[in-house]
């Protein structure tokens, strides 16, 4: 009976970890999509790719 309880706990933990990884992958995908869209907009407005990267890095260091 103890083994069954342990297996259930491990299964539950792995399931939660899987859901967390899916959420993280979704977040990363959205960030990359947004970054691409913002870069395209900036380039359309005449901002250089280096300036875009610098602005993104500055925002990340501030926690934006």
PDB file of N, CA and C in Angstrom:
ATOM      1  N   UNK A   1       0.817  -1.192   0.000  1.00  0.00           N
ATOM      2  CA  UNK A   1       0.000   0.000   0.000  1.00  0.00           C
ATOM      3  C   UNK A   1       0.866   1.264   0.000  1.00  0.00           C
ATOM      4  N   UNK A   2       1.980   1.210   0.718  1.00  0.00           N
ATOM      5  CA  UNK A   2       2.876   2.366   0.769  1.00  0.00           C
ATOM      6  C   UNK A   2       3.429   2.663  -0.625  1.00  0.00           C
ATOM      7  N   UNK A   3       3.784   1.614  -1.367  1.00  0.00           N
ATOM      8  CA  UNK A   3       4.318   1.802  -2.713  1.00  0.00           C
ATOM      9  C   UNK A   3       3.281   2.474  -3.609  1.00  0.00           C
ATOM     10  N   UNK A   4       2.030   2.080  -3.477  1.00  0.00           N
ATOM     11  CA  UNK A   4       0.961   2.669  -4.286  1.00  0.00           C
ATOM     12  C   UNK A   4       0.852   4.169  -3.991  1.00  0.00           C
ATOM     13  N   UNK A   5       0.891   4.546  -2.732  1.00  0.00           N
ATOM     14  CA  UNK A   5       0.814   5.949  -2.329  1.00  0.00           C
ATOM     15  C   UNK A   5       2.009   6.727  -2.880  1.00  0.00           C
ATOM     16  N   UNK A   6       3.186   6.125  -2.818  1.00  0.00           N
ATOM     17  CA  UNK A   6       4.393   6.768  -3.328  1.00  0.00           C
ATOM     18  C   UNK A   6       4.276   6.982  -4.834  1.00  0.00           C
ATOM     19  N   UNK A   7       3.780   5.972  -5.546  1.00  0.00           N
ATOM     20  CA  UNK A   7       3.617   6.077  -6.998  1.00  0.00           C
ATOM     21  C   UNK A   7       2.626   7.190  -7.333  1.00  0.00           C
ATOM     22  N   UNK A   8       1.555   7.288  -6.578  1.00  0.00           N
ATOM     23  CA  UNK A   8       0.581   8.354  -6.811  1.00  0.00           C
ATOM     24  C   UNK A   8       1.208   9.731  -6.597  1.00  0.00           C
ATOM     25  N   UNK A   9       2.004   9.866  -5.553  1.00  0.00           N
ATOM     26  CA  UNK A   9       2.659  11.150  -5.279  1.00  0.00           C
ATOM     27  C   UNK A   9       3.637  11.516  -6.393  1.00  0.00           C
ATOM     28  N   UNK A  10       4.418  10.535  -6.828  1.00  0.00           N
ATOM     29  CA  UNK A  10       5.379  10.783  -7.904  1.00  0.00           C
ATOM     30  C   UNK A  10       4.636  11.132  -9.188  1.00  0.00           C
ATOM     31  N   UNK A  11       3.580  10.409  -9.482  1.00  0.00           N
ATOM     32  CA  UNK A  11       2.788  10.676 -10.679  1.00  0.00           C
ATOM     33  C   UNK A  11       2.205  12.085 -10.640  1.00  0.00           C
ATOM     34  N   UNK A  12       1.681  12.475  -9.494  1.00  0.00           N
ATOM     35  CA  UNK A  12       1.104  13.810  -9.333  1.00  0.00           C
ATOM     36  C   UNK A  12       2.185  14.882  -9.513  1.00  0.00           C
ATOM     37  N   UNK A  13       3.347  14.660  -8.928  1.00  0.00           N
ATOM     38  CA  UNK A  13       4.454  15.615  -9.043  1.00  0.00           C
ATOM     39  C   UNK A  13       4.904  15.758 -10.493  1.00  0.00           C
ATOM     40  N   UNK A  14       5.028  14.636 -11.191  1.00  0.00           N
ATOM     41  CA  UNK A  14       5.441  14.678 -12.594  1.00  0.00           C
ATOM     42  C   UNK A  14       4.386  15.365 -13.458  1.00  0.00           C
ATOM     43  N   UNK A  15       3.138  15.121 -13.154  1.00  0.00           N
ATOM     44  CA  UNK A  15       2.054  15.761 -13.891  1.00  0.00           C
ATOM     45  C   UNK A  15       2.109  17.278 -13.708  1.00  0.00           C
ATOM     46  N   UNK A  16       2.304  17.713 -12.475  1.00  0.00           N
ATOM     47  CA  UNK A  16       2.421  19.154 -12.208  1.00  0.00           C
ATOM     48  C   UNK A  16       3.629  19.751 -12.915  1.00  0.00           C
ATOM     49  N   UNK A  17       4.734  19.029 -12.906  1.00  0.00           N
ATOM     50  CA  UNK A  17       5.945  19.505 -13.580  1.00  0.00           C
ATOM     51  C   UNK A  17       5.703  19.626 -15.082  1.00  0.00           C
ATOM     52  N   UNK A  18       5.001  18.658 -15.644  1.00  0.00           N
ATOM     53  CA  UNK A  18       4.677  18.701 -17.071  1.00  0.00           C
ATOM     54  C   UNK A  18       3.826  19.907 -17.419  1.00  0.00           C
ATOM     55  N   UNK A  19       2.831  20.182 -16.587  1.00  0.00           N
ATOM     56  CA  UNK A  19       1.980  21.355 -16.816  1.00  0.00           C
ATOM     57  C   UNK A  19       2.796  22.644 -16.699  1.00  0.00           C
ATOM     58  N   UNK A  20       3.685  22.697 -15.735  1.00  0.00           N
ATOM     59  CA  UNK A  20       4.526  23.886 -15.564  1.00  0.00           C
ATOM     60  C   UNK A  20       5.424  24.090 -16.784  1.00  0.00           C
ATOM     61  N   UNK A  21       5.970  23.005 -17.311  1.00  0.00           N
ATOM     62  CA  UNK A  21       6.817  23.110 -18.503  1.00  0.00           C
ATOM     63  C   UNK A  21       6.014  23.575 -19.710  1.00  0.00           C
ATOM     64  N   UNK A  22       4.783  23.094 -19.844  1.00  0.00           N
ATOM     65  CA  UNK A  22       3.931  23.529 -20.949  1.00  0.00           C
ATOM     66  C   UNK A  22       3.638  25.023 -20.850  1.00  0.00           C
ATOM     67  N   UNK A  23       3.354  25.496 -19.645  1.00  0.00           N
ATOM     68  CA  UNK A  23       3.094  26.924 -19.452  1.00  0.00           C
ATOM     69  C   UNK A  23       4.330  27.745 -19.791  1.00  0.00           C
ATOM     70  N   UNK A  24       5.495  27.264 -19.374  1.00  0.00           N
ATOM     71  CA  UNK A  24       6.743  27.981 -19.650  1.00  0.00           C
ATOM     72  C   UNK A  24       7.018  28.020 -21.151  1.00  0.00           C
ATOM     73  N   UNK A  25       6.792  26.908 -21.839  1.00  0.00           N
ATOM     74  CA  UNK A  25       7.001  26.862 -23.286  1.00  0.00           C
ATOM     75  C   UNK A  25       6.050  27.831 -23.991  1.00  0.00           C
ATOM     76  N   UNK A  26       4.806  27.894 -23.531  1.00  0.00           N
ATOM     77  CA  UNK A  26       3.828  28.818 -24.103  1.00  0.00           C
ATOM     78  C   UNK A  26       4.285  30.263 -23.898  1.00  0.00           C
ATOM     79  N   UNK A  27       4.770  30.564 -22.692  1.00  0.00           N
ATOM     80  CA  UNK A  27       5.255  31.911 -22.382  1.00  0.00           C
ATOM     81  C   UNK A  27       6.436  32.274 -23.288  1.00  0.00           C
ATOM     82  N   UNK A  28       7.386  31.366 -23.417  1.00  0.00           N
ATOM     83  CA  UNK A  28       8.570  31.617 -24.249  1.00  0.00           C
ATOM     84  C   UNK A  28       8.158  31.846 -25.700  1.00  0.00           C
ATOM     85  N   UNK A  29       7.229  31.036 -26.187  1.00  0.00           N
ATOM     86  CA  UNK A  29       6.746  31.179 -27.561  1.00  0.00           C
ATOM     87  C   UNK A  29       6.124  32.562 -27.756  1.00  0.00           C
ATOM     88  N   UNK A  30       5.322  33.003 -26.798  1.00  0.00           N
ATOM     89  CA  UNK A  30       4.690  34.321 -26.900  1.00  0.00           C
ATOM     90  C   UNK A  30       5.711  35.444 -26.831  1.00  0.00           C
ATOM     91  N   UNK A  31       6.708  35.300 -25.971  1.00  0.00           N
ATOM     92  CA  UNK A  31       7.749  36.322 -25.865  1.00  0.00           C
ATOM     93  C   UNK A  31       8.504  36.431 -27.184  1.00  0.00           C
ATOM     94  N   UNK A  32       8.842  35.287 -27.765  1.00  0.00           N
ATOM     95  CA  UNK A  32       9.562  35.304 -29.042  1.00  0.00           C
ATOM     96  C   UNK A  32       8.705  35.925 -30.140  1.00  0.00           C
ATOM     97  N   UNK A  33       7.415  35.602 -30.151  1.00  0.00           N
ATOM     98  CA  UNK A  33       6.504  36.177 -31.146  1.00  0.00           C
ATOM     99  C   UNK A  33       6.437  37.694 -30.976  1.00  0.00           C
ATOM    100  N   UNK A  34       6.278  38.130 -29.730  1.00  0.00           N
ATOM    101  CA  UNK A  34       6.188  39.565 -29.456  1.00  0.00           C
ATOM    102  C   UNK A  34       7.494  40.275 -29.802  1.00  0.00           C
ATOM    103  N   UNK A  35       8.606  39.648 -29.473  1.00  0.00           N
ATOM    104  CA  UNK A  35       9.912  40.248 -29.783  1.00  0.00           C
ATOM    105  C   UNK A  35      10.065  40.411 -31.287  1.00  0.00           C
ATOM    106  N   UNK A  36       9.663  39.385 -32.029  1.00  0.00           N
ATOM    107  CA  UNK A  36       9.761  39.448 -33.487  1.00  0.00           C
ATOM    108  C   UNK A  36       8.883  40.583 -34.027  1.00  0.00           C
ATOM    109  N   UNK A  37       7.661  40.679 -33.535  1.00  0.00           N
ATOM    110  CA  UNK A  37       6.741  41.723 -33.998  1.00  0.00           C
ATOM    111  C   UNK A  37       7.278  43.116 -33.669  1.00  0.00           C
ATOM    112  N   UNK A  38       7.802  43.284 -32.468  1.00  0.00           N
ATOM    113  CA  UNK A  38       8.348  44.589 -32.082  1.00  0.00           C
ATOM    114  C   UNK A  38       9.587  44.943 -32.897  1.00  0.00           C
ATOM    115  N   UNK A  39      10.412  43.945 -33.183  1.00  0.00           N
ATOM    116  CA  UNK A  39      11.601  44.186 -34.000  1.00  0.00           C
ATOM    117  C   UNK A  39      11.197  44.606 -35.410  1.00  0.00           C
ATOM    118  N   UNK A  40      10.196  43.922 -35.972  1.00  0.00           N
ATOM    119  CA  UNK A  40       9.710  44.285 -37.312  1.00  0.00           C
ATOM    120  C   UNK A  40       9.168  45.715 -37.325  1.00  0.00           C
ATOM    121  N   UNK A  41       8.415  46.067 -36.300  1.00  0.00           N
ATOM    122  CA  UNK A  41       7.876  47.428 -36.204  1.00  0.00           C
ATOM    123  C   UNK A  41       9.007  48.449 -36.094  1.00  0.00           C
ATOM    124  N   UNK A  42       9.977  48.167 -35.251  1.00  0.00           N
ATOM    125  CA  UNK A  42      11.102  49.087 -35.073  1.00  0.00           C
ATOM    126  C   UNK A  42      11.870  49.269 -36.377  1.00  0.00           C
ATOM    127  N   UNK A  43      12.098  48.169 -37.087  1.00  0.00           N
ATOM    128  CA  UNK A  43      12.816  48.266 -38.359  1.00  0.00           C
ATOM    129  C   UNK A  43      12.020  49.095 -39.362  1.00  0.00           C
ATOM    130  N   UNK A  44      10.703  48.920 -39.354  1.00  0.00           N
ATOM    131  CA  UNK A  44       9.840  49.712 -40.232  1.00  0.00           C
ATOM    132  C   UNK A  44       9.962  51.199 -39.906  1.00  0.00           C
ATOM    133  N   UNK A  45      10.141  51.495 -38.622  1.00  0.00           N
ATOM    134  CA  UNK A  45      10.269  52.888 -38.188  1.00  0.00           C
ATOM    135  C   UNK A  45      11.696  53.419 -38.326  1.00  0.00           C
ATOM    136  N   UNK A  46      12.617  52.559 -38.770  1.00  0.00           N
ATOM    137  CA  UNK A  46      13.986  52.989 -39.014  1.00  0.00           C
ATOM    138  C   UNK A  46      14.947  52.793 -37.859  1.00  0.00           C
ATOM    139  N   UNK A  47      14.553  52.028 -36.853  1.00  0.00           N
ATOM    140  CA  UNK A  47      15.436  51.751 -35.721  1.00  0.00           C
ATOM    141  C   UNK A  47      16.336  50.578 -36.100  1.00  0.00           C
ATOM    142  N   UNK A  48      17.627  50.673 -35.779  1.00  0.00           N
ATOM    143  CA  UNK A  48      18.560  49.609 -36.149  1.00  0.00           C
ATOM    144  C   UNK A  48      18.348  48.370 -35.282  1.00  0.00           C
ATOM    145  N   UNK A  49      18.694  47.183 -35.801  1.00  0.00           N
ATOM    146  CA  UNK A  49      18.583  45.957 -34.998  1.00  0.00           C
ATOM    147  C   UNK A  49      19.395  46.038 -33.703  1.00  0.00           C
ATOM    148  N   UNK A  50      20.573  46.660 -33.749  1.00  0.00           N
ATOM    149  CA  UNK A  50      21.398  46.781 -32.537  1.00  0.00           C
ATOM    150  C   UNK A  50      20.679  47.609 -31.475  1.00  0.00           C
ATOM    151  N   UNK A  51      20.008  48.673 -31.890  1.00  0.00           N
ATOM    152  CA  UNK A  51      19.264  49.510 -30.940  1.00  0.00           C
ATOM    153  C   UNK A  51      18.097  48.731 -30.343  1.00  0.00           C
ATOM    154  N   UNK A  52      17.456  47.899 -31.155  1.00  0.00           N
ATOM    155  CA  UNK A  52      16.359  47.052 -30.655  1.00  0.00           C
ATOM    156  C   UNK A  52      16.884  46.096 -29.589  1.00  0.00           C
ATOM    157  N   UNK A  53      17.984  45.433 -29.888  1.00  0.00           N
ATOM    158  CA  UNK A  53      18.559  44.483 -28.934  1.00  0.00           C
ATOM    159  C   UNK A  53      18.972  45.181 -27.645  1.00  0.00           C
ATOM    160  N   UNK A  54      19.573  46.361 -27.773  1.00  0.00           N
ATOM    161  CA  UNK A  54      19.996  47.104 -26.585  1.00  0.00           C
ATOM    162  C   UNK A  54      18.789  47.494 -25.733  1.00  0.00           C
ATOM    163  N   UNK A  55      17.725  47.933 -26.368  1.00  0.00           N
ATOM    164  CA  UNK A  55      16.516  48.313 -25.631  1.00  0.00           C
ATOM    165  C   UNK A  55      15.912  47.109 -24.924  1.00  0.00           C
ATOM    166  N   UNK A  56      15.909  45.967 -25.593  1.00  0.00           N
ATOM    167  CA  UNK A  56      15.380  44.749 -24.970  1.00  0.00           C
ATOM    168  C   UNK A  56      16.223  44.350 -23.767  1.00  0.00           C
ATOM    169  N   UNK A  57      17.539  44.415 -23.912  1.00  0.00           N
ATOM    170  CA  UNK A  57      18.423  44.062 -22.802  1.00  0.00           C
ATOM    171  C   UNK A  57      18.259  45.025 -21.633  1.00  0.00           C
ATOM    172  N   UNK A  58      18.126  46.304 -21.921  1.00  0.00           N
ATOM    173  CA  UNK A  58      17.929  47.291 -20.858  1.00  0.00           C
ATOM    174  C   UNK A  58      16.624  47.033 -20.123  1.00  0.00           C
ATOM    175  N   UNK A  59      15.586  46.694 -20.853  1.00  0.00           N
ATOM    176  CA  UNK A  59      14.302  46.394 -20.228  1.00  0.00           C
ATOM    177  C   UNK A  59      14.367  45.155 -19.368  1.00  0.00           C
ATOM    178  N   UNK A  60      15.097  44.128 -19.814  1.00  0.00           N
ATOM    179  CA  UNK A  60      15.227  42.892 -19.040  1.00  0.00           C
ATOM    180  C   UNK A  60      16.006  43.134 -17.762  1.00  0.00           C
ATOM    181  N   UNK A  61      17.031  43.983 -17.817  1.00  0.00           N
ATOM    182  CA  UNK A  61      17.840  44.222 -16.618  1.00  0.00           C
ATOM    183  C   UNK A  61      17.053  44.998 -15.562  1.00  0.00           C
ATOM    184  N   UNK A  62      16.053  45.770 -15.997  1.00  0.00           N
ATOM    185  CA  UNK A  62      15.195  46.500 -15.059  1.00  0.00           C
ATOM    186  C   UNK A  62      14.008  45.651 -14.616  1.00  0.00           C
ATOM    187  N   UNK A  63      13.799  44.537 -15.265  1.00  0.00           N
ATOM    188  CA  UNK A  63      12.665  43.688 -14.923  1.00  0.00           C
ATOM    189  C   UNK A  63      11.400  44.046 -15.680  1.00  0.00           C
ATOM    190  N   UNK A  64      11.520  44.819 -16.759  1.00  0.00           N
ATOM    191  CA  UNK A  64      10.351  45.196 -17.573  1.00  0.00           C
ATOM    192  C   UNK A  64       9.824  44.008 -18.337  1.00  0.00           C
TER     193      UNK A  64
END
